[in-house]
Structures are given as C-alpha cells and as structure tokens.
Amino acid sequence: MIEGIPAVLTGVGLLLLAMATGMPVFVAFLVVNLGATVFLLGPAGFGMFAGSFYETATSPSLVTIPLFILMGELLFRSRAVEVLFQSIDTLVGRVRGRQYILSILLATVFSTLSGAAMGVAAMLGRSLLPGMISRGYDARLSIGTILAGASLAPLIPPSVLVIIIGTLAGVSIAGLLIAGIIPGLVFAGLFAAYVFFRIWRNPALAPQDEERVGPSGYRDVAFALIRLLPFSIIILLVMGLILLGVATPTEAGAMGVLGALITAAIYRNLSVRMVAESVGESAKISAMILIVMASSKLFSQLLAFSGGASALTEWIVGLDVSSWTMLVLLMLLPFVLCMFIDQIALMLIVIPIYLPIIQTFQYDPIWFWLLFLVNITVGGMTPPFGYTLFALKSAWTEGSLSTVFRAAWPFVALFVFGMVLLALLPGLTTFLPSLL
C-alpha cells in the first residue's frame, strides 16, 4: 500500500497528468479514483465508490448551484443585461475616463448576475472594448479594467465557486457568500483609483468622447434608476434575505430565479422558449459540476484512507514556520497552478489537502477561504495561461495576445495588494458574516 506523502504526490500527479492530456476534469477524477480504489481497497472498495457518489449527489447545499446558474441564464437570455448596460452608462456621467469606470462598474454588476469571470470578460470584450479603442482610449488600460472587473465575478455573490468551496470545506455557505461583498467593493475601488491615477499622470489616456456622455438632467438619472429597480430587487432577494437570516442560500437562490422571471416579464422578454433554453443550459452546467464534485469527494476520502493527508499535515507542522509564512505558502501554490488548470479542478484537488493544515494553524475559515477564492480568481487572469485572458482574446479578435498579457500585469499587482489588505485587516472579510 502506498502510504504517507507519496500517496498525495502520486494522486495529484496522476490527476494533473490526465488533465494535461486534454481529458475532461470529471473523467480524470473518475479514472484516478477507480484505479486508486482497486489498488488500495480491491473490489470491495466499489461500495465506498458508490456510497461517496450518492452522498455528494444528494447534498442539500448543492441545490443552490443550479438555482444561481439558472438565475444568470434567465437574465442574460432575456436581454435584461442590455437595459443594465444602458442605465449604468447614463449614471456614470461626465467623468474623465468614463469608459474605464464604465467597464469596471459593468463588470462588477454583471458579476452579480453571472459568477463566471470568463463569461463576463468575453461579453465585455465583444461589446465594450472595440468601442473604447475606437474612441481613442488606451487599449491596454481598457483591457485591464475589463479583466480586473470580470475577475470579481467569483467573489461578489451569488457565486458558484463559493458554494463549491463551502461544501468541500464544511464552511457556512451563507457566511462565505456575504463575506465577498466588502472585499469585492474594495477591489473595485482600487481599480477605479488606479485608473484616475493613470489619467492624472497622463491625460492622453482618456480622450473626451465626441458623443453626448452622461445624463443631461435629473430626468435621465431618474429614468435610469427606475430601469435598474428590477435588478436591485433581485440583489435584495438573494443577499438581503441571507444577511437578514430569513432564508438559506438555497431559498434565496429560488427567490432570485423568481425575481429573474419577473424581470424578464417587465422587460417584455419572457417566453416559454427562453425559459426552456435557460433551464436546459443550467441543467447541463450543473450536472457537469455535480459529477466533478462527486468524483473529488471520493478522491479526498482515498487520500485520507492512504494516510497521505495526515502525513502531509504532520510534515508541514514539523517545518516549524510561522502562521504568516504558512499562509504565504498556501496562497502561492494555487496562484501558480491556476495559470495552468481550471479553477474548479484546482479547488477539488487542493481543498481536501488544505483542510487539516488550516485546522492545525487555527486560521479563521471564512477569512482563509475568502483569500483562497480571491487567489484562484486572480490566477485566472495571470499570464501566460490564465483562462480569463484567453476568453477576452477570443472575443476581441482585432488585437494581439501579447497586448492582453501586458494589460493584465498592473491589475494582477492590484489584486495582490488587495489580498495583503484582506490578510492584515480580517474585519473586511468577517464583519458581515459576524452579523448572521
């Protein structure tokens, strides 16, 4: 029997090798799990295999995932996003560099509807970026604001990644969801401050638009706010109910779906076909995530059975390093790996290994996993292999990939700076969850 740390290295190595061949994530987990089950337990282990799948597939907390995905699909397919775009564009007003601020705000708001950085980056790269460049805005700064804003998607609730982390790590999903609100706003503020600083240093980065910009009066502002009311109601239904302790995340997700249906009806885009397409796509995405999570649960159980998880914990504790040094090491690993592999795949591999280490060093679970979430998100926009970079480039066909890479680095640095702030000021992360 393979024991101790070699079990961890062997299992993780085989998984990464399988994914490197282009094998789907869930297939890679299944192949490695089947092989490990036969090797460690023999034919008798298949009962454990089936039991682990059933336990994960019937977990009540995972019901929230399809609800959040369905809410986003309904809003995007009903063209409600177009209304959101126009209203925020009106409210930004006559600000120098308004298109940069608009891209940050749009990405931040779209993040509450999507929860997927790649989707937000692709959408804004296709719809907003070409117009910014044609008006004379700096291409690299424009790309950077879109990438940074889109990378807030997994952080700002509702977030599918939060549900996955909460389920795997045994942390309050409601607490982890609302823990991302203040950090998300802090990051958005950092991005805006950086933009204003760059424009102050070099005004040529933000030419004045020739077209009418911003509201012409109180009437335009009032009309824009009225059009935003349905979205405000959805946000209140989802996050407000959780924060008030009135509803669980699953119940809040169901209310969010109801709010999305009402919003689509208000904008006269509700149809049976649209709802059917949204349900179909949501079911496909949710099934994929569920299969991956069920496979990963067995992977963590096999690690524990082999003794690898406990051996790794004992070895790390034996290093005799401070909690801050350990925190840096634990954050550095996913930061690098997320440049190469999918975020969900990384979480499924790393979280079971991290759990005993976190308990040993007595880190606050909400604080640590929120930092972890930010970490893997920024890894997705870090050159040379960040997924979010390629999503934006695929939508923006006029430019080069090297331009996208260069545009990302300043905002990667801002994310790292923001993570340091969250680490040194844990109250930014834990204040809202403490109200539950």
Protein backbone atom coordinates (compact mmCIF):
# COMPACT_ATOMS: atom_id res chain seq x y z
CA MET A 1 0.00 0.00 0.00
CA ILE A 2 1.23 3.46 -0.84
CA GLU A 3 1.40 5.44 2.37
CA GLY A 4 2.12 8.92 3.58
CA ILE A 5 3.18 11.84 1.47
CA PRO A 6 3.95 9.73 -1.65
CA ALA A 7 0.22 8.95 -1.81
CA VAL A 8 -0.60 12.65 -2.08
CA LEU A 9 2.10 13.27 -4.67
CA THR A 10 1.08 10.23 -6.70
CA GLY A 11 -2.63 11.06 -6.69
CA VAL A 12 -2.20 14.74 -7.51
CA GLY A 13 0.46 13.97 -10.12
CA LEU A 14 -1.77 11.47 -11.92
CA LEU A 15 -4.66 13.94 -11.88
CA LEU A 16 -2.57 16.77 -13.34
CA LEU A 17 -1.13 14.42 -15.95
CA ALA A 18 -4.59 13.27 -17.00
CA MET A 19 -5.83 16.87 -17.28
CA ALA A 20 -2.73 17.86 -19.24
CA THR A 21 -3.71 15.34 -21.94
CA GLY A 22 -6.94 17.26 -22.51
CA MET A 23 -9.08 14.77 -20.63
CA PRO A 24 -12.25 16.35 -19.11
CA VAL A 25 -11.92 17.10 -15.41
CA PHE A 26 -14.60 14.68 -14.26
CA VAL A 27 -13.17 11.87 -16.42
CA ALA A 28 -9.70 12.48 -14.96
CA PHE A 29 -11.09 12.20 -11.43
CA LEU A 30 -13.06 9.07 -12.29
CA VAL A 31 -10.07 7.30 -13.87
CA VAL A 32 -7.73 8.12 -10.98
CA ASN A 33 -10.38 7.26 -8.38
CA LEU A 34 -11.18 3.89 -9.98
CA GLY A 35 -7.52 2.98 -10.20
CA ALA A 36 -6.82 4.07 -6.61
CA THR A 37 -9.88 2.22 -5.30
CA VAL A 38 -8.80 -1.05 -6.91
CA PHE A 39 -5.18 -0.60 -5.77
CA LEU A 40 -5.94 0.40 -2.19
CA LEU A 41 -9.16 -1.49 -1.41
CA GLY A 42 -9.69 -4.06 -4.12
CA PRO A 43 -13.16 -4.95 -5.47
CA ALA A 44 -14.70 -4.35 -2.04
CA GLY A 45 -13.93 -0.65 -2.45
CA PHE A 46 -16.57 -0.16 -5.13
CA GLY A 47 -19.23 0.02 -2.42
CA MET A 48 -17.37 3.02 -0.99
CA PHE A 49 -17.18 4.42 -4.53
CA ALA A 50 -20.95 4.25 -4.99
CA GLY A 51 -21.69 5.49 -1.47
CA SER A 52 -19.46 8.53 -1.90
CA PHE A 53 -21.17 9.45 -5.16
CA TYR A 54 -24.62 9.12 -3.61
CA GLU A 55 -23.69 11.19 -0.54
CA THR A 56 -22.38 14.08 -2.65
CA ALA A 57 -25.16 13.96 -5.24
CA THR A 58 -27.82 14.21 -2.55
CA SER A 59 -26.16 17.03 -0.59
CA PRO A 60 -28.83 19.73 0.06
CA SER A 61 -26.31 22.58 -0.18
CA LEU A 62 -25.56 21.78 -3.82
CA VAL A 63 -29.14 22.60 -4.83
CA THR A 64 -28.08 26.24 -4.69
CA ILE A 65 -25.73 25.81 -7.66
CA PRO A 66 -28.36 25.17 -10.39
CA LEU A 67 -30.55 27.92 -8.94
CA PHE A 68 -27.80 30.56 -9.20
CA ILE A 69 -26.84 29.36 -12.68
CA LEU A 70 -30.48 29.45 -13.81
CA MET A 71 -30.91 32.98 -12.46
CA GLY A 72 -27.95 34.20 -14.53
CA GLU A 73 -29.11 32.36 -17.65
CA LEU A 74 -32.60 33.89 -17.42
CA LEU A 75 -31.23 37.42 -17.07
CA PHE A 76 -28.76 37.08 -19.93
CA ARG A 77 -31.14 35.37 -22.36
CA SER A 78 -33.96 37.83 -21.62
CA ARG A 79 -31.72 40.72 -22.78
CA ALA A 80 -32.09 42.35 -19.39
CA VAL A 81 -28.33 42.89 -19.46
CA GLU A 82 -28.78 45.41 -22.30
CA VAL A 83 -31.00 47.52 -20.05
CA LEU A 84 -28.42 47.28 -17.30
CA PHE A 85 -25.67 48.40 -19.69
CA GLN A 86 -27.60 51.46 -20.87
CA SER A 87 -28.69 52.53 -17.39
CA ILE A 88 -25.20 52.36 -15.86
CA ASP A 89 -23.81 54.18 -18.90
CA THR A 90 -26.23 57.01 -18.18
CA LEU A 91 -25.42 57.14 -14.47
CA VAL A 92 -21.64 57.29 -14.87
CA GLY A 93 -21.96 60.89 -16.04
CA ARG A 94 -19.37 63.32 -17.34
CA VAL A 95 -16.28 61.80 -15.77
CA ARG A 96 -12.89 61.98 -17.44
CA GLY A 97 -12.08 58.44 -18.47
CA ARG A 98 -15.72 57.45 -18.11
CA GLN A 99 -15.36 54.40 -20.33
CA TYR A 100 -12.79 52.91 -17.96
CA ILE A 101 -15.07 53.48 -14.99
CA LEU A 102 -18.00 52.15 -17.01
CA SER A 103 -16.15 48.91 -17.75
CA ILE A 104 -15.30 48.42 -14.06
CA LEU A 105 -18.86 49.11 -12.94
CA LEU A 106 -20.41 46.93 -15.64
CA ALA A 107 -18.08 44.04 -14.89
CA THR A 108 -18.80 44.39 -11.16
CA VAL A 109 -22.57 44.42 -11.66
CA PHE A 110 -22.50 41.64 -14.26
CA SER A 111 -20.55 39.63 -11.72
CA THR A 112 -23.63 39.55 -9.50
CA LEU A 113 -25.57 38.03 -12.40
CA SER A 114 -23.02 35.62 -13.83
CA GLY A 115 -20.47 34.48 -11.26
CA ALA A 116 -18.13 33.43 -14.10
CA ALA A 117 -15.10 35.60 -14.87
CA MET A 118 -14.61 34.11 -18.32
CA GLY A 119 -18.19 34.86 -19.34
CA VAL A 120 -18.06 38.50 -18.19
CA ALA A 121 -14.66 39.06 -19.85
CA ALA A 122 -15.85 37.60 -23.15
CA MET A 123 -19.07 39.60 -23.14
CA LEU A 124 -17.41 42.95 -22.42
CA GLY A 125 -14.52 42.15 -24.75
CA ARG A 126 -17.02 41.71 -27.54
CA SER A 127 -19.41 44.56 -26.72
CA LEU A 128 -17.49 47.33 -24.90
CA LEU A 129 -13.78 47.02 -25.74
CA PRO A 130 -13.93 47.75 -29.51
CA GLY A 131 -15.89 50.96 -28.87
CA MET A 132 -13.42 52.13 -26.22
CA ILE A 133 -10.45 51.67 -28.53
CA SER A 134 -12.21 53.31 -31.49
CA ARG A 135 -12.81 56.43 -29.35
CA GLY A 136 -9.09 56.73 -28.61
CA TYR A 137 -8.94 55.08 -25.20
CA ASP A 138 -5.73 53.26 -24.34
CA ALA A 139 -6.05 49.61 -25.37
CA ARG A 140 -4.01 48.17 -22.51
CA LEU A 141 -5.78 50.15 -19.79
CA SER A 142 -9.16 49.31 -21.33
CA ILE A 143 -8.34 45.60 -21.43
CA GLY A 144 -7.00 45.72 -17.87
CA THR A 145 -10.16 47.24 -16.44
CA ILE A 146 -12.30 44.59 -18.14
CA LEU A 147 -10.10 41.72 -16.97
CA ALA A 148 -9.97 43.04 -13.41
CA GLY A 149 -13.67 43.74 -13.19
CA ALA A 150 -14.55 40.35 -14.67
CA SER A 151 -12.29 38.63 -12.13
CA LEU A 152 -14.59 39.89 -9.37
CA ALA A 153 -17.32 37.57 -10.66
CA PRO A 154 -16.48 34.57 -8.43
CA LEU A 155 -16.01 36.89 -5.44
CA ILE A 156 -19.18 39.00 -5.50
CA PRO A 157 -22.28 36.97 -4.61
CA PRO A 158 -24.03 34.99 -5.84
CA SER A 159 -21.05 32.79 -6.71
CA VAL A 160 -21.00 29.15 -7.72
CA LEU A 161 -17.36 28.82 -6.64
CA VAL A 162 -18.31 29.92 -3.12
CA ILE A 163 -20.87 27.13 -2.91
CA ILE A 164 -18.30 24.58 -4.04
CA ILE A 165 -15.72 25.81 -1.52
CA GLY A 166 -18.29 25.94 1.28
CA THR A 167 -19.46 22.41 0.54
CA LEU A 168 -16.00 20.88 0.28
CA ALA A 169 -14.52 22.80 3.22
CA GLY A 170 -17.52 22.47 5.52
CA VAL A 171 -17.81 26.26 5.90
CA SER A 172 -21.06 28.25 6.16
CA ILE A 173 -22.10 28.96 2.57
CA ALA A 174 -24.22 31.92 3.66
CA GLY A 175 -21.30 33.39 5.61
CA LEU A 176 -18.86 32.86 2.75
CA LEU A 177 -21.27 34.37 0.23
CA ILE A 178 -21.76 37.66 2.03
CA ALA A 179 -18.09 37.75 3.08
CA GLY A 180 -17.23 38.63 -0.51
CA ILE A 181 -19.33 41.81 -0.63
CA ILE A 182 -16.96 44.24 1.12
CA PRO A 183 -13.77 42.79 -0.46
CA GLY A 184 -15.41 42.97 -3.88
CA LEU A 185 -16.20 46.65 -3.40
CA VAL A 186 -12.68 47.27 -2.06
CA PHE A 187 -11.14 45.75 -5.18
CA ALA A 188 -13.45 47.75 -7.46
CA GLY A 189 -12.41 50.91 -5.60
CA LEU A 190 -8.73 50.02 -6.03
CA PHE A 191 -9.21 49.60 -9.77
CA ALA A 192 -11.01 52.95 -10.09
CA ALA A 193 -8.34 54.73 -8.04
CA TYR A 194 -5.62 53.26 -10.24
CA VAL A 195 -7.43 54.46 -13.37
CA PHE A 196 -7.78 58.01 -12.04
CA PHE A 197 -4.10 58.00 -11.04
CA ARG A 198 -3.03 56.90 -14.51
CA ILE A 199 -5.20 59.58 -16.13
CA TRP A 200 -3.82 62.22 -13.77
CA ARG A 201 -0.29 61.23 -14.78
CA ASN A 202 -1.16 61.02 -18.49
CA PRO A 203 -4.41 62.76 -19.58
CA ALA A 204 -3.97 61.43 -23.12
CA LEU A 205 -5.08 58.02 -21.86
CA ALA A 206 -8.67 59.29 -21.62
CA PRO A 207 -9.77 61.46 -24.57
CA GLN A 208 -13.05 63.29 -24.32
CA ASP A 209 -15.85 61.44 -26.09
CA GLU A 210 -17.31 63.31 -29.03
CA GLU A 211 -20.77 61.92 -28.42
CA ARG A 212 -23.07 63.04 -25.64
CA VAL A 213 -21.89 61.49 -22.41
CA GLY A 214 -23.63 61.08 -19.13
CA PRO A 215 -27.06 62.28 -18.12
CA SER A 216 -28.41 65.56 -19.49
CA GLY A 217 -30.55 66.13 -16.42
CA TYR A 218 -32.45 64.71 -13.47
CA ARG A 219 -34.99 63.13 -15.79
CA ASP A 220 -32.38 60.84 -17.39
CA VAL A 221 -30.99 59.90 -13.99
CA ALA A 222 -34.45 59.11 -12.63
CA PHE A 223 -35.34 57.02 -15.68
CA ALA A 224 -32.08 55.07 -15.42
CA LEU A 225 -32.66 54.36 -11.73
CA ILE A 226 -36.21 53.20 -12.41
CA ARG A 227 -34.95 50.78 -15.06
CA LEU A 228 -32.44 49.40 -12.55
CA LEU A 229 -35.09 48.69 -9.91
CA PRO A 230 -35.76 45.08 -11.00
CA PHE A 231 -32.06 44.24 -10.65
CA SER A 232 -31.95 45.89 -7.24
CA ILE A 233 -34.90 43.77 -6.17
CA ILE A 234 -33.10 40.59 -7.30
CA ILE A 235 -29.97 41.50 -5.33
CA LEU A 236 -32.10 42.23 -2.25
CA LEU A 237 -33.97 38.97 -2.66
CA VAL A 238 -30.78 36.94 -2.85
CA MET A 239 -28.33 38.64 -0.50
CA GLY A 240 -30.74 40.62 1.67
CA LEU A 241 -32.66 37.53 2.75
CA ILE A 242 -29.43 35.70 3.61
CA LEU A 243 -27.99 38.64 5.53
CA LEU A 244 -31.22 39.10 7.50
CA GLY A 245 -31.23 35.41 8.36
CA VAL A 246 -34.66 34.99 6.77
CA ALA A 247 -33.62 32.44 4.14
CA THR A 248 -30.95 29.86 3.46
CA PRO A 249 -28.79 30.24 0.32
CA THR A 250 -30.96 27.66 -1.45
CA GLU A 251 -34.17 29.50 -0.59
CA ALA A 252 -32.58 32.82 -1.58
CA GLY A 253 -31.50 31.27 -4.88
CA ALA A 254 -35.07 30.20 -5.57
CA MET A 255 -36.27 33.74 -4.87
CA GLY A 256 -33.55 35.00 -7.24
CA VAL A 257 -34.91 32.78 -10.02
CA LEU A 258 -38.41 34.12 -9.35
CA GLY A 259 -37.04 37.67 -9.48
CA ALA A 260 -35.28 36.93 -12.80
CA LEU A 261 -38.54 35.66 -14.29
CA ILE A 262 -40.38 38.78 -13.12
CA THR A 263 -37.59 40.99 -14.51
CA ALA A 264 -37.79 39.27 -17.90
CA ALA A 265 -41.56 39.83 -17.90
CA ILE A 266 -41.14 43.53 -17.01
CA TYR A 267 -38.78 43.98 -19.96
CA ARG A 268 -41.22 42.01 -22.17
CA ASN A 269 -38.74 39.27 -22.99
CA LEU A 270 -40.31 36.39 -21.08
CA SER A 271 -41.18 33.44 -23.30
CA VAL A 272 -41.54 29.67 -23.00
CA ARG A 273 -38.66 29.16 -25.42
CA MET A 274 -36.35 31.44 -23.46
CA VAL A 275 -37.15 29.71 -20.18
CA ALA A 276 -36.70 26.26 -21.74
CA GLU A 277 -33.30 27.20 -23.17
CA SER A 278 -32.22 28.64 -19.83
CA VAL A 279 -33.30 25.54 -17.92
CA GLY A 280 -31.57 23.25 -20.43
CA GLU A 281 -28.27 25.10 -20.28
CA SER A 282 -28.41 25.35 -16.49
CA ALA A 283 -29.06 21.62 -16.18
CA LYS A 284 -26.09 20.81 -18.42
CA ILE A 285 -23.67 23.03 -16.48
CA SER A 286 -24.99 21.90 -13.09
CA ALA A 287 -24.73 18.20 -13.99
CA MET A 288 -21.11 18.67 -15.02
CA ILE A 289 -20.25 20.42 -11.75
CA LEU A 290 -22.09 17.78 -9.70
CA ILE A 291 -20.23 14.90 -11.37
CA VAL A 292 -16.88 16.61 -10.80
CA MET A 293 -17.67 17.28 -7.14
CA ALA A 294 -18.86 13.72 -6.56
CA SER A 295 -15.60 12.42 -8.04
CA SER A 296 -13.49 14.79 -5.97
CA LYS A 297 -15.18 13.73 -2.72
CA LEU A 298 -14.02 10.17 -3.25
CA PHE A 299 -10.52 11.45 -4.09
CA SER A 300 -10.29 13.17 -0.69
CA GLN A 301 -11.57 10.02 1.05
CA LEU A 302 -8.93 7.91 -0.67
CA LEU A 303 -6.22 10.37 0.39
CA ALA A 304 -7.41 10.06 3.99
CA PHE A 305 -7.55 6.25 3.77
CA SER A 306 -3.99 6.04 2.40
CA GLY A 307 -2.72 8.16 5.27
CA GLY A 308 -1.45 10.81 2.88
CA ALA A 309 -3.46 13.72 4.28
CA SER A 310 -2.39 13.14 7.89
CA ALA A 311 1.24 12.51 6.89
CA LEU A 312 1.34 15.74 4.90
CA THR A 313 -0.12 17.68 7.83
CA GLU A 314 2.46 16.26 10.23
CA TRP A 315 5.27 17.09 7.82
CA ILE A 316 4.09 20.69 7.36
CA VAL A 317 3.68 21.21 11.11
CA GLY A 318 7.16 19.85 11.55
CA LEU A 319 8.56 22.64 9.36
CA ASP A 320 8.18 24.96 12.36
CA VAL A 321 7.26 28.07 10.38
CA SER A 322 5.06 30.96 11.49
CA SER A 323 1.39 31.13 10.58
CA TRP A 324 2.08 34.08 8.25
CA THR A 325 4.80 32.18 6.40
CA MET A 326 2.50 29.20 6.04
CA LEU A 327 -0.29 31.47 4.76
CA VAL A 328 2.01 32.80 2.03
CA LEU A 329 2.99 29.27 1.02
CA LEU A 330 -0.62 28.07 0.95
CA MET A 331 -1.61 31.02 -1.25
CA LEU A 332 1.40 30.79 -3.56
CA LEU A 333 0.59 27.25 -4.71
CA PRO A 334 -2.93 27.92 -6.11
CA PHE A 335 -1.79 31.29 -7.50
CA VAL A 336 0.70 29.48 -9.73
CA LEU A 337 -1.39 26.40 -10.52
CA CYS A 338 -4.43 28.45 -11.60
CA MET A 339 -2.37 29.74 -14.53
CA PHE A 340 -2.37 26.20 -15.88
CA ILE A 341 -5.52 24.34 -14.80
CA ASP A 342 -9.21 25.07 -14.31
CA GLN A 343 -10.30 26.81 -11.09
CA ILE A 344 -12.83 24.15 -10.11
CA ALA A 345 -10.36 21.34 -10.79
CA LEU A 346 -7.76 23.07 -8.62
CA MET A 347 -10.20 23.55 -5.74
CA LEU A 348 -11.22 19.91 -5.82
CA ILE A 349 -7.58 18.84 -5.59
CA VAL A 350 -6.30 21.38 -3.06
CA ILE A 351 -9.14 21.85 -0.57
CA PRO A 352 -9.05 18.31 0.92
CA ILE A 353 -5.29 18.68 1.39
CA TYR A 354 -5.58 22.15 2.96
CA LEU A 355 -8.31 21.33 5.48
CA PRO A 356 -6.17 19.67 8.19
CA ILE A 357 -3.46 22.31 7.75
CA ILE A 358 -5.97 25.13 8.32
CA GLN A 359 -7.24 23.43 11.47
CA THR A 360 -3.68 22.96 12.73
CA PHE A 361 -2.76 26.63 12.27
CA GLN A 362 -6.22 27.75 13.52
CA TYR A 363 -6.97 30.13 10.65
CA ASP A 364 -10.44 31.67 10.61
CA PRO A 365 -12.26 29.54 7.98
CA ILE A 366 -14.26 32.39 6.41
CA TRP A 367 -11.19 34.63 6.23
CA PHE A 368 -8.92 31.94 4.80
CA TRP A 369 -11.28 30.58 2.16
CA LEU A 370 -12.21 34.07 1.00
CA LEU A 371 -8.49 34.78 0.49
CA PHE A 372 -8.21 31.46 -1.32
CA LEU A 373 -11.13 32.41 -3.58
CA VAL A 374 -9.52 35.74 -4.50
CA ASN A 375 -6.26 33.92 -5.11
CA ILE A 376 -7.57 31.40 -7.62
CA THR A 377 -9.58 34.13 -9.33
CA VAL A 378 -6.57 36.34 -9.97
CA GLY A 379 -4.64 33.25 -11.08
CA GLY A 380 -7.16 33.00 -13.93
CA MET A 381 -6.09 36.42 -15.30
CA THR A 382 -2.35 35.98 -14.80
CA PRO A 383 -0.17 35.36 -17.89
CA PRO A 384 0.79 33.16 -19.58
CA PHE A 385 -2.03 30.63 -19.19
CA GLY A 386 -4.86 32.41 -17.34
CA TYR A 387 -8.23 31.27 -18.66
CA THR A 388 -9.81 34.73 -18.41
CA LEU A 389 -7.11 36.18 -20.69
CA PHE A 390 -7.97 33.76 -23.47
CA ALA A 391 -11.71 34.31 -23.01
CA LEU A 392 -11.25 38.04 -23.63
CA LYS A 393 -8.86 37.49 -26.54
CA SER A 394 -11.30 35.10 -28.23
CA ALA A 395 -13.95 37.84 -28.11
CA TRP A 396 -11.57 40.66 -29.16
CA THR A 397 -10.14 39.38 -32.44
CA GLU A 398 -8.60 42.68 -33.58
CA GLY A 399 -5.71 42.76 -31.08
CA SER A 400 -2.80 40.55 -30.12
CA LEU A 401 -2.46 38.19 -27.18
CA SER A 402 0.73 39.95 -26.08
CA THR A 403 -1.26 43.17 -25.63
CA VAL A 404 -3.72 41.32 -23.38
CA PHE A 405 -0.84 39.88 -21.36
CA ARG A 406 0.79 43.27 -20.81
CA ALA A 407 -2.55 44.81 -19.86
CA ALA A 408 -3.14 42.24 -17.12
CA TRP A 409 0.02 42.69 -15.03
CA PRO A 410 -0.79 46.05 -13.33
CA PHE A 411 -4.17 44.72 -12.21
CA VAL A 412 -2.63 41.45 -11.02
CA ALA A 413 -0.42 43.62 -8.81
CA LEU A 414 -3.53 45.45 -7.53
CA PHE A 415 -5.16 42.13 -6.68
CA VAL A 416 -2.07 41.05 -4.74
CA PHE A 417 -2.07 44.36 -2.89
CA GLY A 418 -5.75 43.90 -2.09
CA MET A 419 -5.10 40.39 -0.79
CA VAL A 420 -2.46 41.80 1.57
CA LEU A 421 -5.07 44.28 2.84
CA LEU A 422 -7.58 41.49 3.44
CA ALA A 423 -4.95 39.44 5.24
CA LEU A 424 -3.89 42.30 7.51
CA LEU A 425 -7.47 43.58 8.05
CA PRO A 426 -9.57 40.43 8.53
CA GLY A 427 -12.54 42.54 9.61
CA LEU A 428 -13.11 43.45 5.95
CA THR A 429 -13.93 39.80 5.38
CA THR A 430 -15.50 38.70 8.65
CA PHE A 431 -17.67 41.70 9.57
CA LEU A 432 -20.76 40.85 7.51
CA PRO A 433 -20.68 37.12 8.33
CA SER A 434 -20.49 38.03 12.03
CA LEU A 435 -23.93 39.65 11.69
CA LEU A 436 -25.59 36.37 10.75
